[in-house]
Every structure is written in C-alpha cells, then in structure tokens.
Amino acid sequence: MRTKVRAGYYVLFIAQVATAILALYSGDFLFKSGSAGIGALIILLLSSRKAFRTPDLWLVAGAFVFSIIGDYFLSHRNGVLMMFVYGIFFFFLAHLGYLAYSLFNGKIKWLLTGVLCAGYIIFFFTALYENIADPLLMWAALAYLFVSCFSLGAAWGLSQNGWVKWGYITGIGLILFSDTLIAFREFMEYGRWDFLVLPTYYLAHIVITWSVWKSATQKGAAAPTPNTI
C-alpha cells in the first residue's frame, strides 16, 4: 500500500513538471496554473494522511492557490491597473503562506531579512519609485517587496536539514528573483531577462512542493507508532 501511495505522489510530481513545461510552450492558463495547482493537490494529500491536522501544510497549499489567483489577474489585466494591483495582492497573500510555513518550522533570520529589506528598499527608491505614477500601485509594490524579503529570511531560518531546507529556500529565492525581473520589465521597461521569469516561477513551485513533501515524509517516518508508545 505504501508503495502505491508513494508511486501516486511521484506521478503527480511528474505531472506538475510536465504542466510547467507545457505552460512555457503553450501559454494556456490551464497549464500555467498546473505547477501551483498540482503542488497544492500533493500537499493536501499529504495533509489528508494526518487527518488534515497539519496547519503548516495548509499554509503552503493556500499559498499555491493564491498564486493561481494572482497569476490569473496578471495574465488577464489587459492594461487595467486594478487587475495588476489585485494580482500583487494575491501574491502578497501567497507569500504570507510561505512565511507562516517557515515560522511553523523554524524562526526568521533577522540579519539576512534586514540586509534583504535594505537592499530592496534602495532598489525600490532609486530605480522603481519614479516610474510608478499611481499611489495605490506604489504602496502595493512596496508592501509586496517587504513580505518577499521576510519570506526568504524566514525560509533561511527553517529548522529542517539538508536538501529539504535548501529546496524550500531555493523555491522562495526563485520567486523573489522572478518578481525582480518582472519589476524591471513593468516599471523600468527593461525586458532583456524576460525569458527567465516564467521558468523560475514554475521551478519555484516544483522545488517548494518537493521540499514540503520530503519534510512531511520525514516527519511521518520519525513519528512514533502505537506499538512503540
């Protein structure tokens, strides 16, 4: 039974990778939402094996769902400013989910978070601020900047070990990297590195899913069984 369950997770994981690749070539929103949607499904299935008593897993699944909603607004904005703001808002909520997962499983690294925030504040006010005419968009972008930095700082403080920890850090870092490239394109009209935006975004979902999956598996293996209590 365990072998079949494990095989099922691998099938879903392969499907997640496949939808990400298809999204890069087709641009269809169904495929674009696949990396986050299948990731959320995998995590919810992991949670179901523990009777859903896993708030940290729910937070990442929710983050993936908010990412899909945010991506929908950005993909369908057609020049409408508020669609852009709504997209940022839902990606902000997604980062809160990633941040909360890290705090459930570790503690924030304040020095790194401070350095990131300082660097991105300088970047914001020297490169982006003068190019953002709308005050609401300006505040939305600034709030998103802060939560992104805190999210990566918290990921760095995970109490997990090895590739499980570094997979999650890599995933959050890739999201921050992808968002930085989007900022260059949207606010500075610099799109030289646009070809990296979507691959890094989808890869972030994949490595975050892998990290959370392996972390949940390790916790399950370490948990005492009724015969050992």
Protein backbone atom coordinates (compact mmCIF):
# COMPACT_ATOMS: atom_id res chain seq x y z
CA MET A 1 0.00 0.00 0.00
CA ARG A 2 2.77 2.41 0.91
CA THR A 3 4.49 1.68 -2.40
CA LYS A 4 1.31 2.54 -4.31
CA VAL A 5 0.84 5.77 -2.36
CA ARG A 6 4.46 6.76 -2.95
CA ALA A 7 4.08 5.97 -6.65
CA GLY A 8 0.98 8.14 -6.77
CA TYR A 9 2.91 11.10 -5.39
CA TYR A 10 5.62 10.62 -7.97
CA VAL A 11 3.05 10.50 -10.78
CA LEU A 12 1.57 13.79 -9.57
CA PHE A 13 5.03 15.30 -9.21
CA ILE A 14 5.90 14.32 -12.78
CA ALA A 15 2.57 15.82 -13.91
CA GLN A 16 3.50 19.04 -12.11
CA VAL A 17 6.78 19.23 -14.01
CA ALA A 18 5.03 18.37 -17.28
CA THR A 19 2.41 21.12 -16.91
CA ALA A 20 5.15 23.65 -16.20
CA ILE A 21 6.94 22.68 -19.41
CA LEU A 22 3.70 22.78 -21.39
CA ALA A 23 2.91 26.21 -19.95
CA LEU A 24 6.19 27.57 -21.31
CA TYR A 25 5.29 26.47 -24.82
CA SER A 26 1.52 26.93 -24.93
CA GLY A 27 0.79 29.87 -22.63
CA ASP A 28 -2.57 28.29 -21.81
CA PHE A 29 -3.73 29.35 -18.34
CA LEU A 30 -4.73 25.76 -17.50
CA PHE A 31 -1.11 24.71 -17.85
CA LYS A 32 0.16 27.93 -16.26
CA SER A 33 -1.83 27.12 -13.13
CA GLY A 34 -0.72 23.48 -13.16
CA SER A 35 2.57 23.83 -11.29
CA ALA A 36 0.85 25.53 -8.35
CA GLY A 37 -2.41 23.56 -8.62
CA ILE A 38 -0.82 20.12 -8.65
CA GLY A 39 1.59 21.24 -5.94
CA ALA A 40 -1.39 22.20 -3.77
CA LEU A 41 -3.01 18.83 -4.50
CA ILE A 42 0.10 16.91 -3.47
CA ILE A 43 0.37 18.87 -0.24
CA LEU A 44 -3.33 18.41 0.58
CA LEU A 45 -2.99 14.67 0.02
CA LEU A 46 -0.04 14.65 2.41
CA SER A 47 -2.18 16.53 4.94
CA SER A 48 -5.10 14.12 4.50
CA ARG A 49 -2.91 11.24 5.69
CA LYS A 50 -2.64 13.10 9.00
CA ALA A 51 -6.37 13.86 9.20
CA PHE A 52 -5.60 17.40 7.98
CA ARG A 53 -4.06 18.27 11.38
CA THR A 54 -1.17 19.99 9.61
CA PRO A 55 -1.65 23.76 9.55
CA ASP A 56 1.80 24.31 8.09
CA LEU A 57 0.92 22.18 5.04
CA TRP A 58 -2.37 24.01 4.62
CA LEU A 59 -0.50 27.30 4.54
CA VAL A 60 1.65 26.24 1.58
CA ALA A 61 -1.33 24.77 -0.25
CA GLY A 62 -3.16 28.05 0.32
CA ALA A 63 -0.13 29.96 -0.93
CA PHE A 64 -0.26 27.97 -4.16
CA VAL A 65 -3.98 28.70 -4.57
CA PHE A 66 -3.41 32.42 -4.01
CA SER A 67 -0.60 32.26 -6.57
CA ILE A 68 -3.01 30.87 -9.15
CA ILE A 69 -5.48 33.68 -8.46
CA GLY A 70 -2.72 36.29 -8.61
CA ASP A 71 -1.44 34.84 -11.87
CA TYR A 72 -4.97 34.98 -13.30
CA PHE A 73 -5.24 38.71 -12.60
CA LEU A 74 -1.82 39.44 -14.07
CA SER A 75 -2.46 37.27 -17.13
CA HIS A 76 -5.85 38.88 -17.85
CA ARG A 77 -5.26 42.50 -16.90
CA ASN A 78 -5.24 43.86 -20.49
CA GLY A 79 -3.79 47.15 -19.35
CA VAL A 80 -6.22 47.57 -16.43
CA LEU A 81 -4.30 48.95 -13.46
CA MET A 82 -6.52 47.40 -10.76
CA MET A 83 -6.04 43.94 -12.23
CA PHE A 84 -2.31 44.45 -11.66
CA VAL A 85 -2.95 45.61 -8.07
CA TYR A 86 -5.24 42.62 -7.40
CA GLY A 87 -2.58 40.30 -8.74
CA ILE A 88 0.03 41.79 -6.42
CA PHE A 89 -2.40 41.48 -3.51
CA PHE A 90 -2.96 37.75 -4.03
CA PHE A 91 0.75 37.12 -4.49
CA PHE A 92 1.21 39.04 -1.22
CA LEU A 93 -1.17 36.57 0.46
CA ALA A 94 0.79 33.70 -1.09
CA HIS A 95 4.00 35.00 0.47
CA LEU A 96 2.26 35.21 3.85
CA GLY A 97 1.55 31.49 3.49
CA TYR A 98 5.18 30.70 2.65
CA LEU A 99 6.31 32.90 5.53
CA ALA A 100 3.96 31.27 8.03
CA TYR A 101 5.09 27.77 6.97
CA SER A 102 8.68 28.76 7.72
CA LEU A 103 7.74 30.16 11.12
CA PHE A 104 5.87 26.93 11.95
CA ASN A 105 9.08 25.04 11.23
CA GLY A 106 11.81 27.43 12.36
CA LYS A 107 12.46 31.08 13.07
CA ILE A 108 13.26 34.12 11.00
CA LYS A 109 16.85 35.12 10.33
CA TRP A 110 16.69 38.78 11.21
CA LEU A 111 20.13 39.78 9.95
CA LEU A 112 19.52 38.35 6.49
CA THR A 113 16.00 39.79 6.44
CA GLY A 114 17.35 43.23 7.34
CA VAL A 115 20.00 43.08 4.63
CA LEU A 116 17.43 41.99 2.04
CA CYS A 117 14.98 44.70 3.04
CA ALA A 118 17.69 47.37 2.98
CA GLY A 119 18.88 46.27 -0.46
CA TYR A 120 15.42 46.15 -1.95
CA ILE A 121 14.37 49.47 -0.38
CA ILE A 122 17.39 51.08 -2.07
CA PHE A 123 16.44 49.34 -5.33
CA PHE A 124 12.82 50.50 -4.97
CA PHE A 125 13.53 54.17 -4.33
CA THR A 126 16.43 54.51 -6.77
CA ALA A 127 15.04 52.50 -9.68
CA LEU A 128 11.31 51.90 -9.36
CA TYR A 129 9.69 54.72 -7.40
CA GLU A 130 9.99 57.42 -10.05
CA ASN A 131 8.37 55.10 -12.59
CA ILE A 132 5.24 54.32 -10.54
CA ALA A 133 2.68 57.07 -11.02
CA ASP A 134 -0.25 55.51 -9.17
CA PRO A 135 -0.06 55.75 -5.33
CA LEU A 136 -2.04 52.53 -4.78
CA LEU A 137 0.26 50.56 -7.05
CA MET A 138 3.27 52.13 -5.33
CA TRP A 139 2.11 51.02 -1.87
CA ALA A 140 1.14 47.58 -3.16
CA ALA A 141 4.57 47.09 -4.71
CA LEU A 142 6.33 48.31 -1.57
CA ALA A 143 4.29 46.01 0.71
CA TYR A 144 4.99 43.09 -1.60
CA LEU A 145 8.69 43.90 -1.53
CA PHE A 146 8.77 43.69 2.26
CA VAL A 147 6.81 40.44 2.54
CA SER A 148 9.05 38.84 -0.11
CA CYS A 149 12.16 39.71 1.87
CA PHE A 150 10.64 38.47 5.12
CA SER A 151 9.56 35.28 3.38
CA LEU A 152 13.10 34.49 2.25
CA GLY A 153 14.54 35.47 5.64
CA ALA A 154 12.13 33.10 7.36
CA ALA A 155 12.87 30.30 4.90
CA TRP A 156 16.55 30.65 5.74
CA GLY A 157 15.69 30.00 9.39
CA LEU A 158 13.96 26.67 8.81
CA SER A 159 14.91 24.05 11.38
CA GLN A 160 14.93 21.36 8.69
CA ASN A 161 18.18 19.98 7.36
CA GLY A 162 19.92 19.27 4.10
CA TRP A 163 18.20 19.42 0.74
CA VAL A 164 14.77 19.68 2.34
CA LYS A 165 15.67 23.05 3.82
CA TRP A 166 17.66 24.26 0.84
CA GLY A 167 14.94 23.20 -1.56
CA TYR A 168 12.47 25.48 0.20
CA ILE A 169 14.98 28.34 0.37
CA THR A 170 15.69 27.89 -3.34
CA GLY A 171 11.97 27.98 -4.14
CA ILE A 172 11.35 31.22 -2.25
CA GLY A 173 14.53 32.70 -3.71
CA LEU A 174 13.38 31.84 -7.23
CA ILE A 175 10.07 33.61 -6.63
CA LEU A 176 11.92 36.71 -5.42
CA PHE A 177 14.23 36.52 -8.45
CA SER A 178 11.31 36.13 -10.87
CA ASP A 179 9.45 39.04 -9.26
CA THR A 180 12.55 41.23 -9.50
CA LEU A 181 12.71 40.56 -13.24
CA ILE A 182 9.02 41.45 -13.51
CA ALA A 183 9.74 44.73 -11.70
CA PHE A 184 12.45 45.53 -14.25
CA ARG A 185 10.01 44.89 -17.09
CA GLU A 186 6.91 46.57 -15.67
CA PHE A 187 8.44 49.64 -14.04
CA MET A 188 11.69 50.19 -15.95
CA GLU A 189 10.73 48.78 -19.36
CA TYR A 190 13.79 46.55 -19.28
CA GLY A 191 12.93 43.11 -20.60
CA ARG A 192 16.28 41.58 -21.53
CA TRP A 193 15.84 38.78 -18.97
CA ASP A 194 12.12 38.20 -19.51
CA PHE A 195 12.76 34.69 -20.77
CA LEU A 196 13.70 33.68 -17.20
CA VAL A 197 10.53 34.96 -15.50
CA LEU A 198 8.22 32.00 -16.07
CA PRO A 199 10.79 29.16 -15.86
CA THR A 200 12.00 30.37 -12.47
CA TYR A 201 8.41 30.90 -11.26
CA TYR A 202 7.31 27.38 -12.19
CA LEU A 203 10.55 25.86 -10.91
CA ALA A 204 9.89 27.60 -7.58
CA HIS A 205 6.58 25.76 -7.22
CA ILE A 206 8.23 22.47 -8.09
CA VAL A 207 11.10 22.70 -5.59
CA ILE A 208 8.81 24.04 -2.83
CA THR A 209 6.47 21.10 -3.40
CA TRP A 210 9.39 18.67 -3.30
CA SER A 211 10.73 20.21 -0.09
CA VAL A 212 7.37 20.18 1.72
CA TRP A 213 6.68 16.64 0.50
CA LYS A 214 10.01 15.31 1.73
CA SER A 215 9.72 17.20 5.01
CA ALA A 216 6.26 15.72 5.67
CA THR A 217 7.56 12.25 4.78
CA GLN A 218 10.48 12.60 7.19
CA LYS A 219 8.16 13.75 9.97
CA GLY A 220 5.89 10.79 9.30
CA ALA A 221 8.79 8.37 9.47
CA ALA A 222 10.01 9.91 12.72
CA ALA A 223 6.60 9.90 14.39
CA PRO A 224 6.09 7.08 16.93
CA THR A 225 3.66 4.31 16.03
CA PRO A 226 1.10 2.95 18.52
CA ASN A 227 3.29 -0.12 19.11
CA THR A 228 6.25 1.98 20.21
CA ILE A 229 4.45 4.20 22.74
